[in-house]
Amino acid sequence: MAGPAERPGSWGERPREVDPRLLEILACPITKQPLSYDRERQELVSRSAGLAYPIRDGIPIMLVEEARQLGEDEQQAAR
């Protein structure tokens, strides 16, 4: 049996990259505005909605209920 670092998608593995063509066509489901890609956090960020949508196993999860609310410091950095 494989240990945690040996299983695909485990925390010991480098995150998958999102296809740049996909990033070009995705938009915030609330505001319909473009998203920015946060490679470090593996999130798609909607500054206009103040939300960050997670990317899991290379797949953007574009559900509002799965999104993280941006903190005040993150909102200020966008301005």
N, C-alpha and C. Protein backbone atom coordinates (compact mmCIF):
# COMPACT_ATOMS: atom_id res chain seq x y z
N MET A 1 0.84 -1.18 0.00
CA MET A 1 0.00 0.00 0.00
C MET A 1 0.89 1.24 0.00
N ALA A 2 0.53 2.23 -0.80
CA ALA A 2 1.32 3.46 -0.92
C ALA A 2 1.11 4.35 0.28
N GLY A 3 2.19 5.04 0.68
CA GLY A 3 2.09 6.01 1.76
C GLY A 3 1.48 7.31 1.26
N PRO A 4 1.18 8.27 2.17
CA PRO A 4 0.53 9.51 1.77
C PRO A 4 1.27 10.30 0.71
N ALA A 5 2.60 10.32 0.76
CA ALA A 5 3.35 11.11 -0.22
C ALA A 5 3.41 10.42 -1.58
N GLU A 6 3.03 9.15 -1.65
CA GLU A 6 3.11 8.41 -2.89
C GLU A 6 1.79 8.38 -3.65
N ARG A 7 0.69 8.71 -3.00
CA ARG A 7 -0.61 8.69 -3.64
C ARG A 7 -0.80 9.93 -4.48
N PRO A 8 -1.41 9.78 -5.66
CA PRO A 8 -1.69 10.95 -6.49
C PRO A 8 -2.60 11.92 -5.74
N GLY A 9 -2.29 13.21 -5.86
CA GLY A 9 -3.12 14.23 -5.23
C GLY A 9 -2.83 14.46 -3.76
N SER A 10 -1.82 13.81 -3.21
CA SER A 10 -1.52 13.99 -1.80
C SER A 10 -0.77 15.31 -1.59
N TRP A 11 -0.66 15.75 -0.35
CA TRP A 11 -0.04 17.03 -0.05
C TRP A 11 1.43 17.05 -0.38
N GLY A 12 2.07 15.90 -0.52
CA GLY A 12 3.49 15.83 -0.84
C GLY A 12 3.77 16.01 -2.32
N GLU A 13 2.74 16.04 -3.13
CA GLU A 13 2.90 16.15 -4.58
C GLU A 13 2.69 17.59 -5.03
N ARG A 14 3.41 17.98 -6.08
CA ARG A 14 3.22 19.32 -6.65
C ARG A 14 1.81 19.47 -7.19
N PRO A 15 1.16 20.62 -6.97
CA PRO A 15 -0.19 20.80 -7.49
C PRO A 15 -0.21 20.77 -9.02
N ARG A 16 -1.28 20.28 -9.57
CA ARG A 16 -1.44 20.25 -11.01
C ARG A 16 -1.65 21.66 -11.53
N GLU A 17 -1.16 21.89 -12.73
CA GLU A 17 -1.36 23.18 -13.38
C GLU A 17 -2.72 23.20 -14.07
N VAL A 18 -3.31 24.36 -14.14
CA VAL A 18 -4.58 24.53 -14.83
C VAL A 18 -4.27 24.91 -16.27
N ASP A 19 -4.99 24.34 -17.20
CA ASP A 19 -4.81 24.62 -18.62
C ASP A 19 -5.04 26.11 -18.87
N PRO A 20 -4.05 26.81 -19.43
CA PRO A 20 -4.20 28.26 -19.69
C PRO A 20 -5.40 28.59 -20.57
N ARG A 21 -5.76 27.70 -21.49
CA ARG A 21 -6.94 27.95 -22.34
C ARG A 21 -8.21 27.96 -21.51
N LEU A 22 -8.26 27.12 -20.49
CA LEU A 22 -9.42 27.09 -19.60
C LEU A 22 -9.51 28.39 -18.81
N LEU A 23 -8.36 28.88 -18.34
CA LEU A 23 -8.35 30.13 -17.58
C LEU A 23 -8.85 31.31 -18.41
N GLU A 24 -8.61 31.26 -19.71
CA GLU A 24 -9.05 32.35 -20.59
C GLU A 24 -10.57 32.43 -20.72
N ILE A 25 -11.25 31.30 -20.58
CA ILE A 25 -12.70 31.31 -20.80
C ILE A 25 -13.52 31.33 -19.52
N LEU A 26 -12.90 31.00 -18.39
CA LEU A 26 -13.65 30.99 -17.13
C LEU A 26 -13.91 32.42 -16.64
N ALA A 27 -15.07 32.59 -16.00
CA ALA A 27 -15.44 33.88 -15.42
C ALA A 27 -16.13 33.61 -14.08
N CYS A 28 -16.18 34.61 -13.26
CA CYS A 28 -16.85 34.48 -11.97
C CYS A 28 -18.33 34.19 -12.22
N PRO A 29 -18.89 33.17 -11.57
CA PRO A 29 -20.29 32.85 -11.78
C PRO A 29 -21.25 33.92 -11.25
N ILE A 30 -20.77 34.78 -10.38
CA ILE A 30 -21.63 35.84 -9.83
C ILE A 30 -21.56 37.10 -10.68
N THR A 31 -20.34 37.58 -10.90
CA THR A 31 -20.17 38.88 -11.57
C THR A 31 -19.91 38.77 -13.07
N LYS A 32 -19.57 37.58 -13.52
CA LYS A 32 -19.22 37.33 -14.93
C LYS A 32 -17.94 38.05 -15.35
N GLN A 33 -17.15 38.49 -14.38
CA GLN A 33 -15.88 39.18 -14.62
C GLN A 33 -14.74 38.15 -14.68
N PRO A 34 -13.62 38.52 -15.31
CA PRO A 34 -12.46 37.61 -15.39
C PRO A 34 -11.93 37.26 -14.00
N LEU A 35 -11.24 36.14 -13.94
CA LEU A 35 -10.64 35.64 -12.71
C LEU A 35 -9.13 35.70 -12.83
N SER A 36 -8.46 35.85 -11.70
CA SER A 36 -7.01 35.76 -11.71
C SER A 36 -6.61 34.44 -11.05
N TYR A 37 -5.49 33.90 -11.50
CA TYR A 37 -5.03 32.59 -11.03
C TYR A 37 -3.99 32.78 -9.95
N ASP A 38 -4.26 32.25 -8.76
CA ASP A 38 -3.29 32.25 -7.67
C ASP A 38 -2.67 30.86 -7.62
N ARG A 39 -1.51 30.72 -8.26
CA ARG A 39 -0.85 29.42 -8.38
C ARG A 39 -0.47 28.86 -7.01
N GLU A 40 0.01 29.71 -6.13
CA GLU A 40 0.47 29.26 -4.81
C GLU A 40 -0.67 28.65 -3.99
N ARG A 41 -1.82 29.32 -3.99
CA ARG A 41 -2.97 28.84 -3.22
C ARG A 41 -3.87 27.89 -4.00
N GLN A 42 -3.59 27.73 -5.30
CA GLN A 42 -4.43 26.92 -6.17
C GLN A 42 -5.88 27.38 -6.09
N GLU A 43 -6.08 28.66 -6.45
CA GLU A 43 -7.40 29.27 -6.44
C GLU A 43 -7.56 30.17 -7.66
N LEU A 44 -8.80 30.35 -8.07
CA LEU A 44 -9.17 31.36 -9.05
C LEU A 44 -9.85 32.47 -8.28
N VAL A 45 -9.34 33.68 -8.40
CA VAL A 45 -9.78 34.79 -7.56
C VAL A 45 -10.65 35.75 -8.35
N SER A 46 -11.81 36.06 -7.77
CA SER A 46 -12.70 37.07 -8.32
C SER A 46 -12.64 38.28 -7.38
N ARG A 47 -11.85 39.27 -7.78
CA ARG A 47 -11.74 40.48 -6.95
C ARG A 47 -13.08 41.20 -6.90
N SER A 48 -13.83 41.18 -8.00
CA SER A 48 -15.11 41.89 -8.05
C SER A 48 -16.14 41.29 -7.09
N ALA A 49 -16.09 39.99 -6.86
CA ALA A 49 -17.02 39.34 -5.93
C ALA A 49 -16.40 39.15 -4.55
N GLY A 50 -15.08 39.31 -4.45
CA GLY A 50 -14.41 39.11 -3.16
C GLY A 50 -14.34 37.63 -2.78
N LEU A 51 -14.24 36.76 -3.81
CA LEU A 51 -14.23 35.32 -3.57
C LEU A 51 -13.04 34.66 -4.25
N ALA A 52 -12.61 33.53 -3.69
CA ALA A 52 -11.56 32.71 -4.30
C ALA A 52 -12.12 31.30 -4.44
N TYR A 53 -12.15 30.81 -5.67
CA TYR A 53 -12.67 29.49 -5.98
C TYR A 53 -11.52 28.48 -5.97
N PRO A 54 -11.67 27.36 -5.26
CA PRO A 54 -10.58 26.39 -5.17
C PRO A 54 -10.37 25.63 -6.48
N ILE A 55 -9.14 25.16 -6.64
CA ILE A 55 -8.79 24.26 -7.74
C ILE A 55 -8.35 22.96 -7.09
N ARG A 56 -9.05 21.89 -7.39
CA ARG A 56 -8.73 20.58 -6.81
C ARG A 56 -8.35 19.60 -7.90
N ASP A 57 -7.18 19.03 -7.78
CA ASP A 57 -6.68 18.07 -8.78
C ASP A 57 -6.74 18.66 -10.18
N GLY A 58 -6.43 19.95 -10.29
CA GLY A 58 -6.40 20.61 -11.59
C GLY A 58 -7.76 21.04 -12.11
N ILE A 59 -8.82 20.85 -11.32
CA ILE A 59 -10.18 21.18 -11.75
C ILE A 59 -10.71 22.36 -10.94
N PRO A 60 -11.03 23.48 -11.60
CA PRO A 60 -11.62 24.61 -10.88
C PRO A 60 -13.02 24.26 -10.36
N ILE A 61 -13.26 24.55 -9.11
CA ILE A 61 -14.56 24.31 -8.49
C ILE A 61 -15.29 25.66 -8.45
N MET A 62 -16.15 25.88 -9.43
CA MET A 62 -16.78 27.19 -9.61
C MET A 62 -18.15 27.27 -8.93
N LEU A 63 -18.23 26.76 -7.72
CA LEU A 63 -19.46 26.81 -6.94
C LEU A 63 -19.30 27.86 -5.84
N VAL A 64 -20.25 28.75 -5.75
CA VAL A 64 -20.18 29.83 -4.76
C VAL A 64 -20.07 29.27 -3.35
N GLU A 65 -20.77 28.18 -3.08
CA GLU A 65 -20.73 27.61 -1.73
C GLU A 65 -19.37 26.97 -1.40
N GLU A 66 -18.54 26.73 -2.39
CA GLU A 66 -17.19 26.19 -2.17
C GLU A 66 -16.13 27.30 -2.12
N ALA A 67 -16.50 28.52 -2.47
CA ALA A 67 -15.55 29.63 -2.55
C ALA A 67 -15.18 30.14 -1.16
N ARG A 68 -13.98 30.67 -1.09
CA ARG A 68 -13.48 31.29 0.14
C ARG A 68 -13.65 32.80 0.02
N GLN A 69 -14.16 33.42 1.07
CA GLN A 69 -14.29 34.87 1.11
C GLN A 69 -12.89 35.47 1.26
N LEU A 70 -12.56 36.45 0.42
CA LEU A 70 -11.27 37.12 0.52
C LEU A 70 -11.22 37.95 1.78
N GLY A 71 -10.06 37.97 2.41
CA GLY A 71 -9.87 38.79 3.60
C GLY A 71 -9.72 40.26 3.21
N GLU A 72 -9.85 41.12 4.20
CA GLU A 72 -9.73 42.58 3.94
C GLU A 72 -8.38 42.92 3.31
N ASP A 73 -7.32 42.29 3.79
CA ASP A 73 -5.99 42.57 3.24
C ASP A 73 -5.91 42.15 1.78
N GLU A 74 -6.56 41.07 1.41
CA GLU A 74 -6.58 40.63 0.01
C GLU A 74 -7.41 41.58 -0.85
N GLN A 75 -8.50 42.07 -0.30
CA GLN A 75 -9.34 43.02 -1.03
C GLN A 75 -8.58 44.34 -1.26
N GLN A 76 -7.86 44.79 -0.25
CA GLN A 76 -7.09 46.05 -0.35
C GLN A 76 -5.97 45.92 -1.37
N ALA A 77 -5.35 44.73 -1.44
CA ALA A 77 -4.24 44.52 -2.37
C ALA A 77 -4.70 44.64 -3.82
N ALA A 78 -5.96 44.38 -4.07
CA ALA A 78 -6.50 44.44 -5.43
C ALA A 78 -6.74 45.87 -5.89
N ARG A 79 -6.78 46.80 -4.99
CA ARG A 79 -7.10 48.19 -5.34
C ARG A 79 -5.89 49.00 -5.67
